[in-house]
Structure formats: structure tokens, C-alpha cells
Protein backbone atom coordinates (compact mmCIF):
# COMPACT_ATOMS: atom_id res chain seq x y z
CA UNK A 1 25.30 -10.58 7.06
CA UNK A 2 23.51 -12.67 4.45
CA UNK A 3 20.13 -10.76 4.56
CA UNK A 4 16.90 -11.78 2.58
CA UNK A 5 14.49 -9.45 1.48
CA UNK A 6 10.97 -10.57 0.59
CA UNK A 7 8.99 -7.80 -1.40
CA UNK A 8 12.54 -6.39 -1.83
CA UNK A 9 11.43 -4.79 -5.16
CA UNK A 10 8.75 -2.67 -4.15
CA UNK A 11 8.94 0.79 -2.89
CA UNK A 12 10.20 0.07 0.35
CA UNK A 13 12.37 -2.96 -0.47
CA UNK A 14 14.42 -1.66 -3.25
CA UNK A 15 14.85 1.57 -1.50
CA UNK A 16 16.09 -1.13 1.77
CA UNK A 17 18.33 -3.25 -0.43
CA UNK A 18 19.73 -0.42 -1.63
CA UNK A 19 21.12 1.09 1.81
CA UNK A 20 22.03 -2.28 3.09
CA UNK A 21 24.07 -3.02 -0.51
CA UNK A 22 25.78 -0.05 0.66
CA UNK A 23 26.45 -1.00 4.05
CA UNK A 24 28.19 -4.24 2.72
CA UNK A 25 25.78 -6.72 3.22
CA UNK A 26 24.92 -9.66 0.92
CA UNK A 27 21.31 -9.30 -0.30
CA UNK A 28 18.60 -11.56 -1.54
CA UNK A 29 16.24 -10.06 -3.43
CA UNK A 30 12.71 -12.42 -3.33
CA UNK A 31 9.74 -10.92 -5.43
CA UNK A 32 7.16 -12.19 -7.96
CA UNK A 33 6.92 -8.82 -9.28
CA UNK A 34 2.99 -8.72 -8.90
CA UNK A 35 3.18 -4.89 -7.78
CA UNK A 36 7.28 -4.80 -7.47
CA UNK A 37 9.39 -4.06 -10.35
CA UNK A 38 12.41 -4.54 -11.71
CA UNK A 39 12.63 -0.47 -12.74
CA UNK A 40 13.00 -0.49 -9.10
CA UNK A 41 16.10 -2.20 -8.42
CA UNK A 42 17.78 -1.18 -11.70
CA UNK A 43 20.61 0.84 -10.17
CA UNK A 44 21.75 -1.79 -7.62
CA UNK A 45 25.33 -2.16 -8.47
CA UNK A 46 25.80 -5.95 -10.53
CA UNK A 47 27.12 -8.69 -8.48
CA UNK A 48 25.96 -7.16 -5.14
CA UNK A 49 22.73 -9.04 -4.72
CA UNK A 50 20.91 -12.05 -6.21
CA UNK A 51 16.89 -11.61 -7.51
CA UNK A 52 14.70 -14.62 -7.41
CA UNK A 53 11.75 -14.49 -9.15
CA UNK A 54 9.32 -16.52 -7.06
CA UNK A 55 5.88 -16.61 -5.10
CA UNK A 56 6.62 -16.12 -1.28
CA UNK A 57 3.64 -18.03 -0.80
CA UNK A 58 4.72 -21.19 -2.23
CA UNK A 59 8.37 -21.33 -3.26
CA UNK A 60 10.63 -23.61 -1.61
CA UNK A 61 13.08 -21.55 0.01
CA UNK A 62 15.34 -24.16 1.10
CA UNK A 63 15.74 -25.54 -2.58
CA UNK A 64 16.39 -22.14 -4.26
CA UNK A 65 18.35 -20.15 -1.91
CA UNK A 66 22.15 -21.31 -2.05
CA UNK A 67 23.51 -19.55 0.75
CA UNK A 68 23.07 -19.44 4.75
CA UNK A 69 20.64 -16.37 5.77
CA UNK A 70 21.16 -14.41 9.20
CA UNK A 71 18.21 -12.04 8.62
CA UNK A 72 15.03 -12.16 7.15
CA UNK A 73 12.96 -9.14 6.07
CA UNK A 74 9.76 -9.65 5.26
CA UNK A 75 7.96 -6.77 3.26
CA UNK A 76 5.74 -9.27 1.00
CA UNK A 77 2.33 -8.10 0.35
CA UNK A 78 0.07 -5.72 -1.77
CA UNK A 79 -0.06 -2.88 0.27
CA UNK A 80 -1.75 -0.23 -2.25
CA UNK A 81 -5.67 0.01 -2.10
CA UNK A 82 -6.25 0.09 -5.69
CA UNK A 83 -4.22 -3.50 -6.16
CA UNK A 84 -5.58 -4.95 -3.16
CA UNK A 85 -9.18 -4.15 -4.29
CA UNK A 86 -8.29 -5.55 -7.25
CA UNK A 87 -6.90 -8.61 -5.80
CA UNK A 88 -8.25 -9.25 -2.15
CA UNK A 89 -7.80 -12.72 -1.82
CA UNK A 90 -3.86 -12.63 -3.03
CA UNK A 91 -3.27 -10.11 -0.85
CA UNK A 92 -4.72 -11.87 2.11
CA UNK A 93 -3.04 -15.44 1.37
CA UNK A 94 0.27 -13.24 0.66
CA UNK A 95 -0.12 -12.09 3.99
CA UNK A 96 -0.99 -15.70 5.61
CA UNK A 97 0.95 -18.23 3.84
CA UNK A 98 3.84 -15.95 2.67
CA UNK A 99 4.33 -15.21 6.43
CA UNK A 100 3.95 -18.90 7.10
CA UNK A 101 6.57 -20.02 4.54
CA UNK A 102 9.38 -17.17 5.81
CA UNK A 103 8.59 -18.36 9.59
CA UNK A 104 9.34 -21.87 8.68
CA UNK A 105 12.17 -20.91 6.37
CA UNK A 106 13.59 -18.70 9.45
CA UNK A 107 13.63 -22.25 11.38
CA UNK A 108 15.73 -23.82 9.32
CA UNK A 109 18.53 -20.73 8.66
CA UNK A 110 18.50 -19.76 13.03
CA UNK A 111 17.69 -16.30 11.84
CA UNK A 112 16.07 -13.10 12.57
CA UNK A 113 13.00 -12.22 11.03
CA UNK A 114 11.49 -8.86 10.58
CA UNK A 115 8.02 -8.57 10.03
CA UNK A 116 6.27 -5.50 8.14
CA UNK A 117 3.36 -5.17 9.82
CA UNK A 118 1.05 -1.96 9.49
CA UNK A 119 -1.07 1.02 10.82
CA UNK A 120 -4.06 -0.89 9.31
CA UNK A 121 -4.31 -3.52 11.94
CA UNK A 122 -5.44 -0.33 14.18
CA UNK A 123 -8.42 -0.28 11.46
CA UNK A 124 -10.57 2.67 12.38
CA UNK A 125 -9.51 3.70 15.86
CA UNK A 126 -11.46 5.35 18.27
CA UNK A 127 -8.65 6.72 19.94
CA UNK A 128 -6.91 9.77 19.31
CA UNK A 129 -3.29 8.19 19.49
CA UNK A 130 -2.84 4.71 18.92
CA UNK A 131 -0.38 2.61 21.46
CA UNK A 132 0.68 -0.99 20.74
CA UNK A 133 -1.47 -2.25 23.31
CA UNK A 134 -4.56 -0.90 21.40
CA UNK A 135 -6.84 -4.01 20.04
CA UNK A 136 -8.29 -1.80 17.10
CA UNK A 137 -11.71 -1.14 15.18
CA UNK A 138 -11.18 -3.00 12.21
CA UNK A 139 -14.16 -4.48 9.90
CA UNK A 140 -13.45 -8.15 9.60
CA UNK A 141 -15.78 -8.30 5.89
CA UNK A 142 -15.36 -4.67 4.37
CA UNK A 143 -13.10 -4.19 1.50
CA UNK A 144 -10.09 -3.35 3.30
CA UNK A 145 -10.36 -6.61 5.18
CA UNK A 146 -8.19 -8.47 2.99
CA UNK A 147 -5.05 -6.23 3.80
CA UNK A 148 -6.10 -5.51 7.62
CA UNK A 149 -7.00 -8.86 8.46
CA UNK A 150 -4.48 -10.52 6.66
CA UNK A 151 -1.98 -8.44 8.48
CA UNK A 152 -3.18 -9.38 11.97
CA UNK A 153 -3.24 -12.95 11.11
CA UNK A 154 0.31 -12.57 9.79
CA UNK A 155 1.03 -11.08 13.67
CA UNK A 156 -0.65 -13.78 15.14
CA UNK A 157 1.89 -16.42 13.30
CA UNK A 158 4.71 -14.85 14.36
CA UNK A 159 3.58 -14.58 18.19
CA UNK A 160 2.68 -18.05 17.65
CA UNK A 161 6.70 -18.87 16.25
CA UNK A 162 8.11 -16.93 19.13
CA UNK A 163 6.11 -18.66 22.14
CA UNK A 164 6.45 -22.03 20.21
CA UNK A 165 9.88 -21.99 19.03
CA UNK A 166 11.51 -18.97 20.96
CA UNK A 167 12.27 -17.61 17.66
CA UNK A 168 13.81 -14.02 16.92
CA UNK A 169 10.98 -12.45 15.17
CA UNK A 170 10.57 -8.76 15.51
CA UNK A 171 7.35 -6.88 14.05
CA UNK A 172 6.74 -3.42 13.44
CA UNK A 173 3.59 -1.75 12.65
CA UNK A 174 4.57 0.94 10.02
CA UNK A 175 2.56 3.87 9.58
CA UNK A 176 2.02 5.91 6.52
CA UNK A 177 5.63 6.03 4.32
CA UNK A 178 6.66 7.86 1.41
CA UNK A 179 9.63 8.78 -0.84
CA UNK A 180 11.54 8.36 -4.09
CA UNK A 181 10.46 5.15 -5.94
CA UNK A 182 6.97 4.93 -4.87
CA UNK A 183 4.21 3.97 -7.88
CA UNK A 184 2.35 7.04 -8.80
CA UNK A 185 -0.33 4.99 -10.22
CA UNK A 186 -1.22 3.04 -7.14
CA UNK A 187 -3.59 5.23 -5.15
CA UNK A 188 -1.57 6.29 -2.33
CA UNK A 189 -2.02 10.09 -1.78
CA UNK A 190 1.40 11.18 -1.81
CA UNK A 191 2.40 10.00 -5.19
CA UNK A 192 -1.17 10.57 -6.75
CA UNK A 193 -1.10 14.45 -5.57
CA UNK A 194 2.58 14.79 -6.89
CA UNK A 195 1.67 13.09 -10.09
CA UNK A 196 -1.72 15.51 -10.39
CA UNK A 197 0.19 18.53 -9.80
CA UNK A 198 3.15 18.00 -11.93
CA UNK A 199 1.08 17.34 -14.59
CA UNK A 200 -1.22 20.41 -14.06
CA UNK A 201 -4.64 17.67 -13.44
CA UNK A 202 -7.14 18.11 -10.45
CA UNK A 203 -6.25 16.84 -7.11
CA UNK A 204 -8.89 13.99 -6.07
CA UNK A 205 -9.57 13.74 -2.39
CA UNK A 206 -11.80 10.89 -1.42
CA UNK A 207 -14.13 12.33 1.32
CA UNK A 208 -14.02 15.73 3.15
CA UNK A 209 -10.21 15.53 3.64
CA UNK A 210 -10.54 16.15 7.11
CA UNK A 211 -8.94 12.60 8.12
CA UNK A 212 -5.67 12.58 9.12
CA UNK A 213 -2.27 10.68 8.54
CA UNK A 214 1.25 10.45 10.12
CA UNK A 215 3.67 10.72 7.38
CA UNK A 216 7.10 9.65 7.52
CA UNK A 217 9.88 9.75 4.64
CA UNK A 218 10.87 6.28 3.74
CA UNK A 219 15.36 7.00 4.98
CA UNK A 220 13.88 7.04 8.42
CA UNK A 221 12.04 3.61 8.21
CA UNK A 222 15.31 2.25 6.71
CA UNK A 223 17.04 3.65 9.50
CA UNK A 224 15.21 1.84 11.94
CA UNK A 225 15.75 -1.40 10.18
CA UNK A 226 18.85 -1.53 10.14
CA UNK A 227 19.08 -0.56 13.82
CA UNK A 228 16.68 -3.97 14.14
CA UNK A 229 19.50 -6.13 12.31
CA UNK A 230 22.49 -4.47 14.77
CA UNK A 231 20.73 -4.62 17.64
CA UNK A 232 20.86 -7.61 20.11
CA UNK A 233 17.90 -6.34 22.28
CA UNK A 234 14.94 -8.87 21.36
CA UNK A 235 11.32 -8.13 21.95
CA UNK A 236 8.51 -10.04 21.56
CA UNK A 237 5.64 -7.93 21.22
CA UNK A 238 4.75 -5.27 18.11
CA UNK A 239 6.44 -2.14 18.10
CA UNK A 240 5.01 1.37 15.95
CA UNK A 241 7.01 2.90 13.72
CA UNK A 242 5.62 6.35 12.57
CA UNK A 243 6.26 10.33 12.38
CA UNK A 244 3.59 11.70 15.07
CA UNK A 245 5.22 14.62 14.15
CA UNK A 246 3.78 15.02 10.88
CA UNK A 247 0.21 14.34 11.53
CA UNK A 248 -1.60 16.20 8.53
CA UNK A 249 -4.97 16.27 7.25
CA UNK A 250 -5.42 15.16 3.66
CA UNK A 251 -6.88 18.58 3.08
CA UNK A 252 -3.09 19.90 4.32
CA UNK A 253 -1.40 17.64 2.37
CA UNK A 254 -2.91 18.45 -0.82
CA UNK A 255 -1.93 22.31 0.25
CA UNK A 256 1.50 21.43 0.82
CA UNK A 257 2.41 19.83 -2.26
CA UNK A 258 0.61 22.43 -4.42
CA UNK A 259 2.83 24.87 -2.93
CA UNK A 260 6.17 22.59 -3.33
CA UNK A 261 5.23 21.69 -6.75
CA UNK A 262 4.17 25.43 -7.48
CA UNK A 263 0.79 24.01 -8.68
CA UNK A 264 -2.38 26.01 -8.62
CA UNK A 265 -4.48 22.51 -9.79
CA UNK A 266 -7.83 22.70 -8.05
CA UNK A 267 -8.86 19.81 -5.88
CA UNK A 268 -11.67 17.68 -5.95
CA UNK A 269 -13.67 15.84 -3.31
CA UNK A 270 -14.97 12.27 -4.32
CA UNK A 271 -17.09 9.93 -2.43
CA UNK A 272 -15.51 8.80 0.53
CA UNK A 273 -14.32 5.36 0.70
CA UNK A 274 -15.73 2.52 2.86
CA UNK A 275 -13.73 1.71 6.21
CA UNK A 276 -11.52 4.75 5.35
CA UNK A 277 -9.58 5.63 8.73
CA UNK A 278 -10.61 9.03 10.30
CA UNK A 279 -7.75 9.91 12.15
CA UNK A 280 -4.04 7.30 12.23
CA UNK A 281 -1.25 8.91 14.40
CA UNK A 282 1.11 6.53 16.56
CA UNK A 283 2.59 6.92 20.08
CA UNK A 284 6.37 5.96 19.81
CA UNK A 285 7.28 5.81 22.81
CA UNK A 286 7.96 2.11 22.85
CA UNK A 287 10.13 2.63 20.03
CA UNK A 288 12.28 5.17 21.53
CA UNK A 289 12.38 3.39 24.80
CA UNK A 290 13.00 -0.39 23.26
CA UNK A 291 15.26 0.68 20.23
CA UNK A 292 16.33 4.42 20.87
CA UNK A 293 14.68 5.19 17.90
CA UNK A 294 12.41 8.38 16.75
CA UNK A 295 12.23 10.06 13.12
CA UNK A 296 14.12 13.33 11.86
CA UNK A 297 12.92 14.34 8.48
CA UNK A 298 10.33 16.85 8.32
CA UNK A 299 7.32 16.09 5.67
CA UNK A 300 8.63 19.67 3.61
CA UNK A 301 12.13 17.79 3.62
CA UNK A 302 10.93 14.60 2.62
CA UNK A 303 8.30 15.73 -0.11
CA UNK A 304 10.94 17.76 -2.09
CA UNK A 305 13.17 14.88 -2.63
CA UNK A 306 10.07 12.57 -3.47
CA UNK A 307 8.88 15.60 -5.67
CA UNK A 308 12.36 15.77 -7.31
CA UNK A 309 12.71 11.85 -7.90
CA UNK A 310 9.27 11.90 -9.89
CA UNK A 311 10.23 15.45 -11.99
CA UNK A 312 13.05 13.40 -12.86
CA UNK A 313 11.39 9.81 -13.45
CA UNK A 314 8.03 10.28 -14.22
């Protein structure tokens, strides 16, 4: 297949592109490198992909891509809190305008579009387990709203295109994902903690550290995206993709990383962040039922692979 990956030079995108190329697909990587990096794709075999350095919001996709596209995967968005606090308008508009541009292009190609949404659309939930029918508890004016509301608006666009044009659009709400090629300086907990532990520096936690997240290794996410590409089963409403078996507090996460890195660095608690969700755990019953998927990589195994990557590359 010919596959366009928007945001293909980022953490998730570069890992996905490597796997797609290994499977024999022809890949077009679209990325303006605002947060992605050429270093993430430098190990891809020369001649197996095309790189397009353009802004997904404004580029003329039909004019710059010379081959027919079968599948579009939209991963293009600023996703780290540090970055979207600094670039809130770009974050919001990438989700909205970028998604619309890709949807319009998908129409011309009669292509499937896989839309990467996020668990952030649920905000700070007041339920313990997040099902797709939960509408969320989201601030539309807080500092995280540029990301949360941008992704919610992108889902709305996708649903409107499905209803209006009968398109094959598949929305996946991705929960906290980690693995090799994460940016250790982008403010997300796992790369930040690993980086600090390996450098024998204090691990900093915002707030009490009692807030929970459900951590999914990148390989499990790649597996489900590849299943979607091959599947003829269409679904017209979003599906949660995450690992409910690995829900941990941020304090627990710091302790696990200290153990796996053989580090005894202190943990320092800082003031909490505004609108930081207290709990995040997905129900994946719909994913199990509709696409026969569930995660298989344990947090310990995934962290060991991630730590090895940071030891070798940072």
C-alpha cells in the first residue's frame, strides 16, 4: 500500500513508519519538523520512503504528492505539554486545519484515514474507567485546552465527514504511550524521569504524584494501527487504545524507573499543574470486540527497552 503519515518524524510516527516500511509499504512522511526530528527517521532505509517538509495545515497535498495514496494516518500535532504551553495557537490550529486538509485530500484519493485522537479529550474525568461514551470533563479555557479542544474539534470534523461523505475514517483515542525515540526534554513523565535517573539528577514530579496514568508501549500501538490498515471492518465512532492493565501513580512510575536504572536519585515534588487530570484509565472492551486487540507489553518490559534506547542515544 501507499501510506501517507502526517507527523511521521515524531516519536509515534517514526516508529510506525519504520514498521510499515519493514512490512513492504511505500511511505510518504509529511512533517514540518516543528517538534519532529530528522534524527528519528535517519535509520530508515534510503529509497523506501519520501520525506515532505511541509505544514499539514496549509500545504497543497495534491500538488506535492505524486503517487496515489491508499491510507492516511494523521499523527500531526504538538503533543508535549511544554511545547503546547509555548505554542497554543499552533497546537489548536494544527488539529483543526491539519485534519481538515487531510480529510479533503483523503476524499480525492478515496483513501482510508486513521485519525490519532487522545485520552486528553476526556479532560479531568469524574469516572474511574473511561468508556468511549463518556463525554469528558474538559476546561475549554485552561492552558491545556489548545490540545484537548483541538483534538475534540478534529474528532467532530471526522464525524461530520463520515456522515456527509460516507468516508472510511477510523478515530483512535490514544492513551499515554512511551518508548524509544521519545524526546527526553519535552516534559512527558517517562522520558523525563529516565533522563534524570541516568544523569543522577533529581526526579521532579508536579503535584502530589498520586495522579494515575495507564502506560502503553509503542509496539502495542503500532500493532493496532497496522491491524486497522488491513481490516475491512469499518467503525464510525472512536475507539480507546491504551493499556488498562498498567495503571500506576506518577510516584510509582518514578520508583519503578529508579529501580530499573539502578538509581537512587531523590524525588522532588513541585507545585501541581493547572487542569492536570487526576486519573486516566481506559476501557478497551470496544477495541477487543471490534478489532480483536489488546496490549501485551508489560510496563517493566517496555521501560527496559526504553531505558536501553536512552542509554545508547542520549
